[in-house]
PDB file of N, CA and C in Angstrom:
ATOM      1  N   UNK A   1     -88.249-108.555  19.100  1.00  0.00           N
ATOM      2  CA  UNK A   1     -87.891-109.482  20.216  1.00  0.00           C
ATOM      3  C   UNK A   1     -88.394-108.267  21.365  1.00  0.00           C
ATOM      4  N   UNK A   2     -89.017-108.975  22.333  1.00  0.00           N
ATOM      5  CA  UNK A   2     -89.820-107.854  23.549  1.00  0.00           C
ATOM      6  C   UNK A   2     -88.527-107.833  24.546  1.00  0.00           C
ATOM      7  N   UNK A   3     -88.723-106.769  25.280  1.00  0.00           N
ATOM      8  CA  UNK A   3     -87.801-106.794  26.552  1.00  0.00           C
ATOM      9  C   UNK A   3     -88.674-106.578  27.812  1.00  0.00           C
ATOM     10  N   UNK A   4     -88.622-107.213  28.591  1.00  0.00           N
ATOM     11  CA  UNK A   4     -89.218-107.164  29.789  1.00  0.00           C
ATOM     12  C   UNK A   4     -89.115-105.926  30.411  1.00  0.00           C
ATOM     13  N   UNK A   5     -90.003-105.180  31.142  1.00  0.00           N
ATOM     14  CA  UNK A   5     -89.388-104.067  32.058  1.00  0.00           C
ATOM     15  C   UNK A   5     -88.493-104.244  32.820  1.00  0.00           C
ATOM     16  N   UNK A   6     -88.435-105.329  33.689  1.00  0.00           N
ATOM     17  CA  UNK A   6     -87.308-105.385  34.820  1.00  0.00           C
ATOM     18  C   UNK A   6     -85.904-105.396  33.948  1.00  0.00           C
ATOM     19  N   UNK A   7     -85.890-106.097  33.125  1.00  0.00           N
ATOM     20  CA  UNK A   7     -84.480-106.316  32.342  1.00  0.00           C
ATOM     21  C   UNK A   7     -84.199-104.621  31.647  1.00  0.00           C
ATOM     22  N   UNK A   8     -85.156-104.009  31.218  1.00  0.00           N
ATOM     23  CA  UNK A   8     -84.983-102.765  30.922  1.00  0.00           C
ATOM     24  C   UNK A   8     -84.439-101.872  31.592  1.00  0.00           C
ATOM     25  N   UNK A   9     -85.032-101.831  32.651  1.00  0.00           N
ATOM     26  CA  UNK A   9     -84.667-100.942  33.866  1.00  0.00           C
ATOM     27  C   UNK A   9     -83.280-101.300  34.330  1.00  0.00           C
ATOM     28  N   UNK A  10     -82.700-102.493  34.426  1.00  0.00           N
ATOM     29  CA  UNK A  10     -81.393-102.741  34.846  1.00  0.00           C
ATOM     30  C   UNK A  10     -80.513-102.267  33.725  1.00  0.00           C
ATOM     31  N   UNK A  11     -80.699-102.342  32.386  1.00  0.00           N
ATOM     32  CA  UNK A  11     -79.884-101.986  31.574  1.00  0.00           C
ATOM     33  C   UNK A  11     -79.820-100.324  31.411  1.00  0.00           C
ATOM     34  N   UNK A  12     -80.982 -99.903  31.677  1.00  0.00           N
ATOM     35  CA  UNK A  12     -81.371 -98.296  31.627  1.00  0.00           C
ATOM     36  C   UNK A  12     -80.229 -97.732  32.827  1.00  0.00           C
ATOM     37  N   UNK A  13     -80.394 -98.440  34.090  1.00  0.00           N
ATOM     38  CA  UNK A  13     -79.494 -98.020  35.206  1.00  0.00           C
ATOM     39  C   UNK A  13     -78.021 -98.149  34.841  1.00  0.00           C
ATOM     40  N   UNK A  14     -77.440 -99.291  34.262  1.00  0.00           N
ATOM     41  CA  UNK A  14     -76.117 -99.450  33.791  1.00  0.00           C
ATOM     42  C   UNK A  14     -75.873 -98.228  32.806  1.00  0.00           C
ATOM     43  N   UNK A  15     -76.554 -98.225  31.938  1.00  0.00           N
ATOM     44  CA  UNK A  15     -76.090 -97.117  30.925  1.00  0.00           C
ATOM     45  C   UNK A  15     -76.188 -95.861  31.251  1.00  0.00           C
ATOM     46  N   UNK A  16     -76.882 -95.589  32.194  1.00  0.00           N
ATOM     47  CA  UNK A  16     -76.957 -94.048  32.900  1.00  0.00           C
ATOM     48  C   UNK A  16     -75.811 -94.018  34.145  1.00  0.00           C
ATOM     49  N   UNK A  17     -75.669 -94.910  34.734  1.00  0.00           N
ATOM     50  CA  UNK A  17     -74.549 -94.861  35.645  1.00  0.00           C
ATOM     51  C   UNK A  17     -73.306 -94.685  35.328  1.00  0.00           C
ATOM     52  N   UNK A  18     -72.868 -95.437  34.264  1.00  0.00           N
ATOM     53  CA  UNK A  18     -71.615 -95.475  33.713  1.00  0.00           C
ATOM     54  C   UNK A  18     -71.303 -94.704  32.337  1.00  0.00           C
ATOM     55  N   UNK A  19     -70.520 -93.664  32.458  1.00  0.00           N
ATOM     56  CA  UNK A  19     -70.050 -92.812  31.207  1.00  0.00           C
ATOM     57  C   UNK A  19     -69.749 -93.498  30.051  1.00  0.00           C
ATOM     58  N   UNK A  20     -68.750 -94.888  30.563  1.00  0.00           N
ATOM     59  CA  UNK A  20     -68.602 -95.582  29.077  1.00  0.00           C
ATOM     60  C   UNK A  20     -68.666 -96.911  29.532  1.00  0.00           C
ATOM     61  N   UNK A  21     -69.571 -97.416  28.726  1.00  0.00           N
ATOM     62  CA  UNK A  21     -70.062 -99.027  29.221  1.00  0.00           C
ATOM     63  C   UNK A  21     -70.083 -99.717  28.113  1.00  0.00           C
ATOM     64  N   UNK A  22     -69.578-100.897  28.046  1.00  0.00           N
ATOM     65  CA  UNK A  22     -69.207-101.951  27.183  1.00  0.00           C
ATOM     66  C   UNK A  22     -69.959-103.298  27.332  1.00  0.00           C
ATOM     67  N   UNK A  23     -70.768-103.729  26.609  1.00  0.00           N
ATOM     68  CA  UNK A  23     -71.599-104.778  26.989  1.00  0.00           C
ATOM     69  C   UNK A  23     -70.668-105.930  26.016  1.00  0.00           C
ATOM     70  N   UNK A  24     -70.422-107.049  26.374  1.00  0.00           N
ATOM     71  CA  UNK A  24     -69.293-107.651  25.603  1.00  0.00           C
ATOM     72  C   UNK A  24     -69.377-109.115  26.180  1.00  0.00           C
ATOM     73  N   UNK A  25     -68.581-110.132  25.522  1.00  0.00           N
ATOM     74  CA  UNK A  25     -68.538-111.620  25.807  1.00  0.00           C
ATOM     75  C   UNK A  25     -67.564-111.706  26.516  1.00  0.00           C
ATOM     76  N   UNK A  26     -67.377-111.959  27.867  1.00  0.00           N
ATOM     77  CA  UNK A  26     -66.322-112.080  28.664  1.00  0.00           C
ATOM     78  C   UNK A  26     -66.103-111.051  29.468  1.00  0.00           C
ATOM     79  N   UNK A  27     -64.849-110.783  30.110  1.00  0.00           N
ATOM     80  CA  UNK A  27     -64.308-109.769  31.022  1.00  0.00           C
ATOM     81  C   UNK A  27     -63.381-109.181  30.434  1.00  0.00           C
ATOM     82  N   UNK A  28     -63.131-107.791  30.579  1.00  0.00           N
ATOM     83  CA  UNK A  28     -62.086-106.811  30.095  1.00  0.00           C
ATOM     84  C   UNK A  28     -60.707-107.359  30.310  1.00  0.00           C
ATOM     85  N   UNK A  29     -60.363-108.289  31.155  1.00  0.00           N
ATOM     86  CA  UNK A  29     -59.171-108.841  31.266  1.00  0.00           C
ATOM     87  C   UNK A  29     -59.107-110.122  30.563  1.00  0.00           C
ATOM     88  N   UNK A  30     -60.258-110.547  30.196  1.00  0.00           N
ATOM     89  CA  UNK A  30     -60.390-111.916  29.215  1.00  0.00           C
ATOM     90  C   UNK A  30     -61.556-111.995  28.430  1.00  0.00           C
ATOM     91  N   UNK A  31     -61.632-111.246  27.343  1.00  0.00           N
ATOM     92  CA  UNK A  31     -62.579-111.280  26.354  1.00  0.00           C
ATOM     93  C   UNK A  31     -62.643-112.598  25.777  1.00  0.00           C
ATOM     94  N   UNK A  32     -64.144-112.795  25.432  1.00  0.00           N
ATOM     95  CA  UNK A  32     -64.392-114.340  24.871  1.00  0.00           C
ATOM     96  C   UNK A  32     -64.709-114.409  23.627  1.00  0.00           C
ATOM     97  N   UNK A  33     -64.599-113.146  22.879  1.00  0.00           N
ATOM     98  CA  UNK A  33     -64.883-113.047  21.252  1.00  0.00           C
ATOM     99  C   UNK A  33     -63.626-112.320  20.706  1.00  0.00           C
ATOM    100  N   UNK A  34     -63.503-112.428  19.526  1.00  0.00           N
ATOM    101  CA  UNK A  34     -62.576-111.386  18.975  1.00  0.00           C
ATOM    102  C   UNK A  34     -62.993-110.098  18.979  1.00  0.00           C
ATOM    103  N   UNK A  35     -64.100-109.989  18.581  1.00  0.00           N
ATOM    104  CA  UNK A  35     -64.966-108.781  18.509  1.00  0.00           C
ATOM    105  C   UNK A  35     -64.746-107.989  19.858  1.00  0.00           C
ATOM    106  N   UNK A  36     -65.209-108.443  20.728  1.00  0.00           N
ATOM    107  CA  UNK A  36     -65.122-107.934  22.225  1.00  0.00           C
ATOM    108  C   UNK A  36     -63.644-107.493  22.453  1.00  0.00           C
ATOM    109  N   UNK A  37     -62.538-108.569  21.995  1.00  0.00           N
ATOM    110  CA  UNK A  37     -61.289-108.190  22.399  1.00  0.00           C
ATOM    111  C   UNK A  37     -60.795-107.101  21.617  1.00  0.00           C
ATOM    112  N   UNK A  38     -61.330-106.834  20.291  1.00  0.00           N
ATOM    113  CA  UNK A  38     -60.913-105.645  19.618  1.00  0.00           C
ATOM    114  C   UNK A  38     -61.340-104.253  20.137  1.00  0.00           C
ATOM    115  N   UNK A  39     -62.676-104.312  20.509  1.00  0.00           N
ATOM    116  CA  UNK A  39     -63.122-103.038  21.314  1.00  0.00           C
ATOM    117  C   UNK A  39     -62.570-102.881  22.842  1.00  0.00           C
ATOM    118  N   UNK A  40     -62.092-104.020  23.573  1.00  0.00           N
ATOM    119  CA  UNK A  40     -61.586-103.731  24.709  1.00  0.00           C
ATOM    120  C   UNK A  40     -59.858-103.157  24.402  1.00  0.00           C
ATOM    121  N   UNK A  41     -59.461-103.548  23.604  1.00  0.00           N
ATOM    122  CA  UNK A  41     -58.024-103.174  23.057  1.00  0.00           C
ATOM    123  C   UNK A  41     -58.117-101.560  22.682  1.00  0.00           C
ATOM    124  N   UNK A  42     -58.968-101.271  21.845  1.00  0.00           N
ATOM    125  CA  UNK A  42     -59.253 -99.844  21.525  1.00  0.00           C
ATOM    126  C   UNK A  42     -59.437 -98.957  22.865  1.00  0.00           C
ATOM    127  N   UNK A  43     -60.477 -99.400  23.621  1.00  0.00           N
ATOM    128  CA  UNK A  43     -60.744 -98.585  24.619  1.00  0.00           C
ATOM    129  C   UNK A  43     -59.499 -98.558  25.774  1.00  0.00           C
ATOM    130  N   UNK A  44     -58.941 -99.478  25.874  1.00  0.00           N
ATOM    131  CA  UNK A  44     -57.742 -99.584  26.937  1.00  0.00           C
ATOM    132  C   UNK A  44     -56.426 -98.869  26.498  1.00  0.00           C
ATOM    133  N   UNK A  45     -56.403 -98.593  25.021  1.00  0.00           N
ATOM    134  CA  UNK A  45     -55.449 -97.649  24.498  1.00  0.00           C
ATOM    135  C   UNK A  45     -55.934 -95.973  24.714  1.00  0.00           C
ATOM    136  N   UNK A  46     -56.931 -95.642  24.815  1.00  0.00           N
ATOM    137  CA  UNK A  46     -57.447 -94.675  25.110  1.00  0.00           C
ATOM    138  C   UNK A  46     -57.955 -94.046  26.560  1.00  0.00           C
ATOM    139  N   UNK A  47     -58.410 -95.002  27.455  1.00  0.00           N
ATOM    140  CA  UNK A  47     -58.814 -94.585  28.885  1.00  0.00           C
ATOM    141  C   UNK A  47     -58.505 -95.460  29.603  1.00  0.00           C
ATOM    142  N   UNK A  48     -58.284 -95.206  31.020  1.00  0.00           N
ATOM    143  CA  UNK A  48     -57.860 -96.037  31.859  1.00  0.00           C
ATOM    144  C   UNK A  48     -59.114 -96.965  32.390  1.00  0.00           C
ATOM    145  N   UNK A  49     -60.179 -95.922  32.775  1.00  0.00           N
ATOM    146  CA  UNK A  49     -61.488 -96.808  33.276  1.00  0.00           C
ATOM    147  C   UNK A  49     -62.696 -96.388  32.697  1.00  0.00           C
ATOM    148  N   UNK A  50     -63.368 -97.848  32.623  1.00  0.00           N
ATOM    149  CA  UNK A  50     -64.477 -98.092  31.993  1.00  0.00           C
ATOM    150  C   UNK A  50     -65.172 -99.161  32.281  1.00  0.00           C
ATOM    151  N   UNK A  51     -66.638 -99.341  32.355  1.00  0.00           N
ATOM    152  CA  UNK A  51     -67.413-100.501  32.779  1.00  0.00           C
ATOM    153  C   UNK A  51     -67.548-101.460  31.929  1.00  0.00           C
ATOM    154  N   UNK A  52     -67.608-102.627  31.981  1.00  0.00           N
ATOM    155  CA  UNK A  52     -67.979-103.775  30.957  1.00  0.00           C
ATOM    156  C   UNK A  52     -69.105-104.693  31.873  1.00  0.00           C
ATOM    157  N   UNK A  53     -69.803-105.328  30.992  1.00  0.00           N
ATOM    158  CA  UNK A  53     -70.772-106.119  31.491  1.00  0.00           C
ATOM    159  C   UNK A  53     -70.617-107.493  30.534  1.00  0.00           C
ATOM    160  N   UNK A  54     -70.334-108.433  31.440  1.00  0.00           N
ATOM    161  CA  UNK A  54     -70.548-109.883  30.559  1.00  0.00           C
ATOM    162  C   UNK A  54     -71.784-110.363  30.307  1.00  0.00           C
ATOM    163  N   UNK A  55     -72.079-110.311  29.171  1.00  0.00           N
ATOM    164  CA  UNK A  55     -73.455-110.979  28.867  1.00  0.00           C
ATOM    165  C   UNK A  55     -73.655-112.248  28.726  1.00  0.00           C
ATOM    166  N   UNK A  56     -72.492-113.201  28.905  1.00  0.00           N
ATOM    167  CA  UNK A  56     -72.476-114.558  29.022  1.00  0.00           C
ATOM    168  C   UNK A  56     -72.817-115.029  30.208  1.00  0.00           C
ATOM    169  N   UNK A  57     -72.685-114.130  31.215  1.00  0.00           N
ATOM    170  CA  UNK A  57     -73.085-114.629  32.811  1.00  0.00           C
ATOM    171  C   UNK A  57     -74.601-114.295  32.839  1.00  0.00           C
ATOM    172  N   UNK A  58     -75.195-113.626  32.105  1.00  0.00           N
ATOM    173  CA  UNK A  58     -76.752-113.055  32.439  1.00  0.00           C
ATOM    174  C   UNK A  58     -77.425-113.385  31.258  1.00  0.00           C
ATOM    175  N   UNK A  59     -78.291-114.164  30.584  1.00  0.00           N
ATOM    176  CA  UNK A  59     -78.698-114.638  29.407  1.00  0.00           C
ATOM    177  C   UNK A  59     -80.044-113.285  29.354  1.00  0.00           C
ATOM    178  N   UNK A  60     -80.623-112.974  30.368  1.00  0.00           N
ATOM    179  CA  UNK A  60     -81.662-111.812  30.155  1.00  0.00           C
ATOM    180  C   UNK A  60     -80.816-110.474  29.577  1.00  0.00           C
ATOM    181  N   UNK A  61     -79.754-110.294  30.060  1.00  0.00           N
ATOM    182  CA  UNK A  61     -79.138-108.857  29.396  1.00  0.00           C
ATOM    183  C   UNK A  61     -78.514-109.525  28.142  1.00  0.00           C
ATOM    184  N   UNK A  62     -78.171-110.388  27.893  1.00  0.00           N
ATOM    185  CA  UNK A  62     -77.530-110.789  26.475  1.00  0.00           C
ATOM    186  C   UNK A  62     -78.728-110.484  25.626  1.00  0.00           C
ATOM    187  N   UNK A  63     -79.788-110.840  25.719  1.00  0.00           N
ATOM    188  CA  UNK A  63     -80.877-111.096  24.980  1.00  0.00           C
ATOM    189  C   UNK A  63     -81.388-109.656  24.855  1.00  0.00           C
ATOM    190  N   UNK A  64     -81.620-108.948  26.236  1.00  0.00           N
ATOM    191  CA  UNK A  64     -82.439-108.008  26.398  1.00  0.00           C
ATOM    192  C   UNK A  64     -81.460-106.632  25.836  1.00  0.00           C
ATOM    193  N   UNK A  65     -80.111-106.651  25.735  1.00  0.00           N
ATOM    194  CA  UNK A  65     -79.541-105.509  25.384  1.00  0.00           C
ATOM    195  C   UNK A  65     -79.737-105.492  23.694  1.00  0.00           C
ATOM    196  N   UNK A  66     -79.690-106.675  22.892  1.00  0.00           N
ATOM    197  CA  UNK A  66     -80.139-106.605  21.717  1.00  0.00           C
ATOM    198  C   UNK A  66     -81.482-105.893  21.408  1.00  0.00           C
ATOM    199  N   UNK A  67     -82.575-106.085  22.157  1.00  0.00           N
ATOM    200  CA  UNK A  67     -83.706-105.363  22.125  1.00  0.00           C
ATOM    201  C   UNK A  67     -83.533-104.021  22.688  1.00  0.00           C
ATOM    202  N   UNK A  68     -82.937-103.714  23.326  1.00  0.00           N
ATOM    203  CA  UNK A  68     -82.837-102.488  24.010  1.00  0.00           C
ATOM    204  C   UNK A  68     -82.303-101.447  22.796  1.00  0.00           C
ATOM    205  N   UNK A  69     -81.037-101.891  22.201  1.00  0.00           N
ATOM    206  CA  UNK A  69     -80.509-101.011  21.327  1.00  0.00           C
ATOM    207  C   UNK A  69     -81.114-101.487  20.102  1.00  0.00           C
ATOM    208  N   UNK A  70     -81.836-102.311  19.698  1.00  0.00           N
ATOM    209  CA  UNK A  70     -82.065-102.505  18.427  1.00  0.00           C
ATOM    210  C   UNK A  70     -80.830-102.655  17.362  1.00  0.00           C
ATOM    211  N   UNK A  71     -79.992-103.616  18.039  1.00  0.00           N
ATOM    212  CA  UNK A  71     -78.514-103.846  17.283  1.00  0.00           C
ATOM    213  C   UNK A  71     -78.603-105.411  17.680  1.00  0.00           C
ATOM    214  N   UNK A  72     -78.324-106.323  16.536  1.00  0.00           N
ATOM    215  CA  UNK A  72     -78.262-107.705  16.545  1.00  0.00           C
ATOM    216  C   UNK A  72     -77.125-108.282  17.407  1.00  0.00           C
ATOM    217  N   UNK A  73     -76.141-107.540  17.207  1.00  0.00           N
ATOM    218  CA  UNK A  73     -74.495-108.117  17.503  1.00  0.00           C
ATOM    219  C   UNK A  73     -73.975-107.788  19.161  1.00  0.00           C
ATOM    220  N   UNK A  74     -73.082-108.248  19.757  1.00  0.00           N
ATOM    221  CA  UNK A  74     -72.516-107.703  20.784  1.00  0.00           C
ATOM    222  C   UNK A  74     -71.010-107.960  20.374  1.00  0.00           C
ATOM    223  N   UNK A  75     -69.995-107.128  20.800  1.00  0.00           N
ATOM    224  CA  UNK A  75     -70.235-105.937  21.800  1.00  0.00           C
ATOM    225  C   UNK A  75     -70.934-105.069  21.408  1.00  0.00           C
ATOM    226  N   UNK A  76     -71.503-104.148  22.350  1.00  0.00           N
ATOM    227  CA  UNK A  76     -72.075-102.818  22.218  1.00  0.00           C
ATOM    228  C   UNK A  76     -71.765-101.758  23.106  1.00  0.00           C
ATOM    229  N   UNK A  77     -71.209-100.709  22.748  1.00  0.00           N
ATOM    230  CA  UNK A  77     -70.391 -99.782  23.443  1.00  0.00           C
ATOM    231  C   UNK A  77     -71.566 -98.559  23.375  1.00  0.00           C
ATOM    232  N   UNK A  78     -71.632 -98.072  24.828  1.00  0.00           N
ATOM    233  CA  UNK A  78     -72.464 -96.684  25.261  1.00  0.00           C
ATOM    234  C   UNK A  78     -71.527 -95.912  25.678  1.00  0.00           C
ATOM    235  N   UNK A  79     -71.686 -94.667  25.239  1.00  0.00           N
ATOM    236  CA  UNK A  79     -70.972 -93.217  25.986  1.00  0.00           C
ATOM    237  C   UNK A  79     -71.840 -92.148  26.177  1.00  0.00           C
ATOM    238  N   UNK A  80     -71.812 -91.958  27.384  1.00  0.00           N
ATOM    239  CA  UNK A  80     -72.651 -90.684  27.994  1.00  0.00           C
ATOM    240  C   UNK A  80     -74.127 -91.238  27.656  1.00  0.00           C
ATOM    241  N   UNK A  81     -74.238 -92.148  27.965  1.00  0.00           N
ATOM    242  CA  UNK A  81     -75.910 -92.693  27.554  1.00  0.00           C
ATOM    243  C   UNK A  81     -76.242 -93.063  26.466  1.00  0.00           C
ATOM    244  N   UNK A  82     -75.508 -92.916  25.363  1.00  0.00           N
ATOM    245  CA  UNK A  82     -75.874 -93.106  23.870  1.00  0.00           C
ATOM    246  C   UNK A  82     -75.103 -94.151  23.014  1.00  0.00           C
ATOM    247  N   UNK A  83     -75.757 -95.105  22.716  1.00  0.00           N
ATOM    248  CA  UNK A  83     -75.240 -96.257  21.871  1.00  0.00           C
ATOM    249  C   UNK A  83     -74.421 -95.680  20.718  1.00  0.00           C
ATOM    250  N   UNK A  84     -73.200 -96.150  20.688  1.00  0.00           N
ATOM    251  CA  UNK A  84     -72.299 -95.979  19.475  1.00  0.00           C
ATOM    252  C   UNK A  84     -72.320 -97.022  18.450  1.00  0.00           C
ATOM    253  N   UNK A  85     -72.266 -98.261  18.806  1.00  0.00           N
ATOM    254  CA  UNK A  85     -72.281 -99.273  17.877  1.00  0.00           C
ATOM    255  C   UNK A  85     -71.362-100.650  18.403  1.00  0.00           C
ATOM    256  N   UNK A  86     -71.124-101.491  17.477  1.00  0.00           N
ATOM    257  CA  UNK A  86     -70.396-102.621  17.752  1.00  0.00           C
ATOM    258  C   UNK A  86     -69.209-102.288  17.515  1.00  0.00           C
ATOM    259  N   UNK A  87     -68.288-103.549  17.098  1.00  0.00           N
ATOM    260  CA  UNK A  87     -66.918-103.522  16.928  1.00  0.00           C
ATOM    261  C   UNK A  87     -66.560-102.778  15.728  1.00  0.00           C
ATOM    262  N   UNK A  88     -67.214-103.116  14.678  1.00  0.00           N
ATOM    263  CA  UNK A  88     -66.807-102.379  13.157  1.00  0.00           C
ATOM    264  C   UNK A  88     -66.945-100.828  13.225  1.00  0.00           C
ATOM    265  N   UNK A  89     -68.160-100.331  13.875  1.00  0.00           N
ATOM    266  CA  UNK A  89     -68.442 -98.950  14.020  1.00  0.00           C
ATOM    267  C   UNK A  89     -67.242 -98.318  14.937  1.00  0.00           C
ATOM    268  N   UNK A  90     -66.914 -99.028  16.156  1.00  0.00           N
ATOM    269  CA  UNK A  90     -66.168 -98.394  16.906  1.00  0.00           C
ATOM    270  C   UNK A  90     -64.528 -98.627  16.417  1.00  0.00           C
ATOM    271  N   UNK A  91     -64.328 -99.381  15.627  1.00  0.00           N
ATOM    272  CA  UNK A  91     -63.065 -99.444  14.873  1.00  0.00           C
ATOM    273  C   UNK A  91     -62.936 -98.127  13.982  1.00  0.00           C
ATOM    274  N   UNK A  92     -64.037 -97.956  13.328  1.00  0.00           N
ATOM    275  CA  UNK A  92     -64.294 -96.707  12.305  1.00  0.00           C
ATOM    276  C   UNK A  92     -63.893 -95.430  13.040  1.00  0.00           C
ATOM    277  N   UNK A  93     -64.852 -95.415  14.239  1.00  0.00           N
ATOM    278  CA  UNK A  93     -64.690 -94.295  15.051  1.00  0.00           C
ATOM    279  C   UNK A  93     -63.327 -93.970  15.437  1.00  0.00           C
ATOM    280  N   UNK A  94     -62.594 -94.885  15.812  1.00  0.00           N
ATOM    281  CA  UNK A  94     -61.293 -94.877  16.398  1.00  0.00           C
ATOM    282  C   UNK A  94     -60.455 -94.377  15.164  1.00  0.00           C
ATOM    283  N   UNK A  95     -60.554 -94.759  14.343  1.00  0.00           N
ATOM    284  CA  UNK A  95     -59.593 -94.567  12.935  1.00  0.00           C
ATOM    285  C   UNK A  95     -59.818 -93.199  12.507  1.00  0.00           C
ATOM    286  N   UNK A  96     -61.231 -92.603  12.737  1.00  0.00           N
ATOM    287  CA  UNK A  96     -61.499 -91.227  12.234  1.00  0.00           C
ATOM    288  C   UNK A  96     -61.185 -90.034  13.137  1.00  0.00           C
ATOM    289  N   UNK A  97     -61.040 -90.557  14.406  1.00  0.00           N
ATOM    290  CA  UNK A  97     -60.735 -89.894  15.611  1.00  0.00           C
ATOM    291  C   UNK A  97     -62.120 -89.528  16.389  1.00  0.00           C
ATOM    292  N   UNK A  98     -63.141 -89.875  15.853  1.00  0.00           N
ATOM    293  CA  UNK A  98     -64.310 -89.632  16.748  1.00  0.00           C
ATOM    294  C   UNK A  98     -64.485 -89.898  17.979  1.00  0.00           C
ATOM    295  N   UNK A  99     -64.008 -91.278  17.978  1.00  0.00           N
ATOM    296  CA  UNK A  99     -64.008 -91.981  19.318  1.00  0.00           C
ATOM    297  C   UNK A  99     -63.501 -91.160  20.233  1.00  0.00           C
ATOM    298  N   UNK A 100     -62.147 -90.734  20.172  1.00  0.00           N
ATOM    299  CA  UNK A 100     -61.338 -89.990  20.890  1.00  0.00           C
ATOM    300  C   UNK A 100     -61.819 -88.795  21.306  1.00  0.00           C
ATOM    301  N   UNK A 101     -62.904 -88.025  20.223  1.00  0.00           N
ATOM    302  CA  UNK A 101     -63.200 -86.755  20.569  1.00  0.00           C
ATOM    303  C   UNK A 101     -64.613 -87.142  21.551  1.00  0.00           C
ATOM    304  N   UNK A 102     -65.346 -88.104  21.073  1.00  0.00           N
ATOM    305  CA  UNK A 102     -66.460 -88.598  22.173  1.00  0.00           C
ATOM    306  C   UNK A 102     -65.930 -88.582  23.762  1.00  0.00           C
ATOM    307  N   UNK A 103     -64.783 -89.532  23.631  1.00  0.00           N
ATOM    308  CA  UNK A 103     -64.393 -89.757  25.116  1.00  0.00           C
ATOM    309  C   UNK A 103     -63.417 -88.683  25.697  1.00  0.00           C
ATOM    310  N   UNK A 104     -63.295 -87.649  24.897  1.00  0.00           N
ATOM    311  CA  UNK A 104     -62.389 -86.252  25.418  1.00  0.00           C
ATOM    312  C   UNK A 104     -60.920 -86.804  25.627  1.00  0.00           C
ATOM    313  N   UNK A 105     -60.246 -87.294  24.587  1.00  0.00           N
ATOM    314  CA  UNK A 105     -58.979 -87.746  24.823  1.00  0.00           C
ATOM    315  C   UNK A 105     -58.471 -87.255  23.692  1.00  0.00           C
ATOM    316  N   UNK A 106     -56.929 -86.876  23.696  1.00  0.00           N
ATOM    317  CA  UNK A 106     -56.266 -86.347  22.595  1.00  0.00           C
ATOM    318  C   UNK A 106     -56.077 -87.690  21.443  1.00  0.00           C
ATOM    319  N   UNK A 107     -55.896 -87.219  20.213  1.00  0.00           N
ATOM    320  CA  UNK A 107     -55.867 -88.446  19.008  1.00  0.00           C
ATOM    321  C   UNK A 107     -54.416 -88.571  19.017  1.00  0.00           C
ATOM    322  N   UNK A 108     -54.102 -89.958  19.007  1.00  0.00           N
ATOM    323  CA  UNK A 108     -52.602 -90.437  18.973  1.00  0.00           C
ATOM    324  C   UNK A 108     -52.376 -90.821  17.615  1.00  0.00           C
TER     325      UNK A 108
END
């Protein structure tokens, strides 16, 4: 899948500008899929603030983020500009304490 330069730039700017960024289906307060809801629940339990992008509102971002990360599914979590993974990986990172470490929070 090709990623047009304008969409790549928009995604780049979002990723660089936000320390913790979640591309998801729906909004933080109203996730539109179970996988997105799971990642939101995990992040909400760890940190008070992070940015979400609703891919359902923007087809260019919805398709573009998959090409950008070379990852076929949504949600997608970025921390400090680095792609972490989707729901299963975030869940594993949380269980192992790796997510808390990357976020700089104490393990609960």
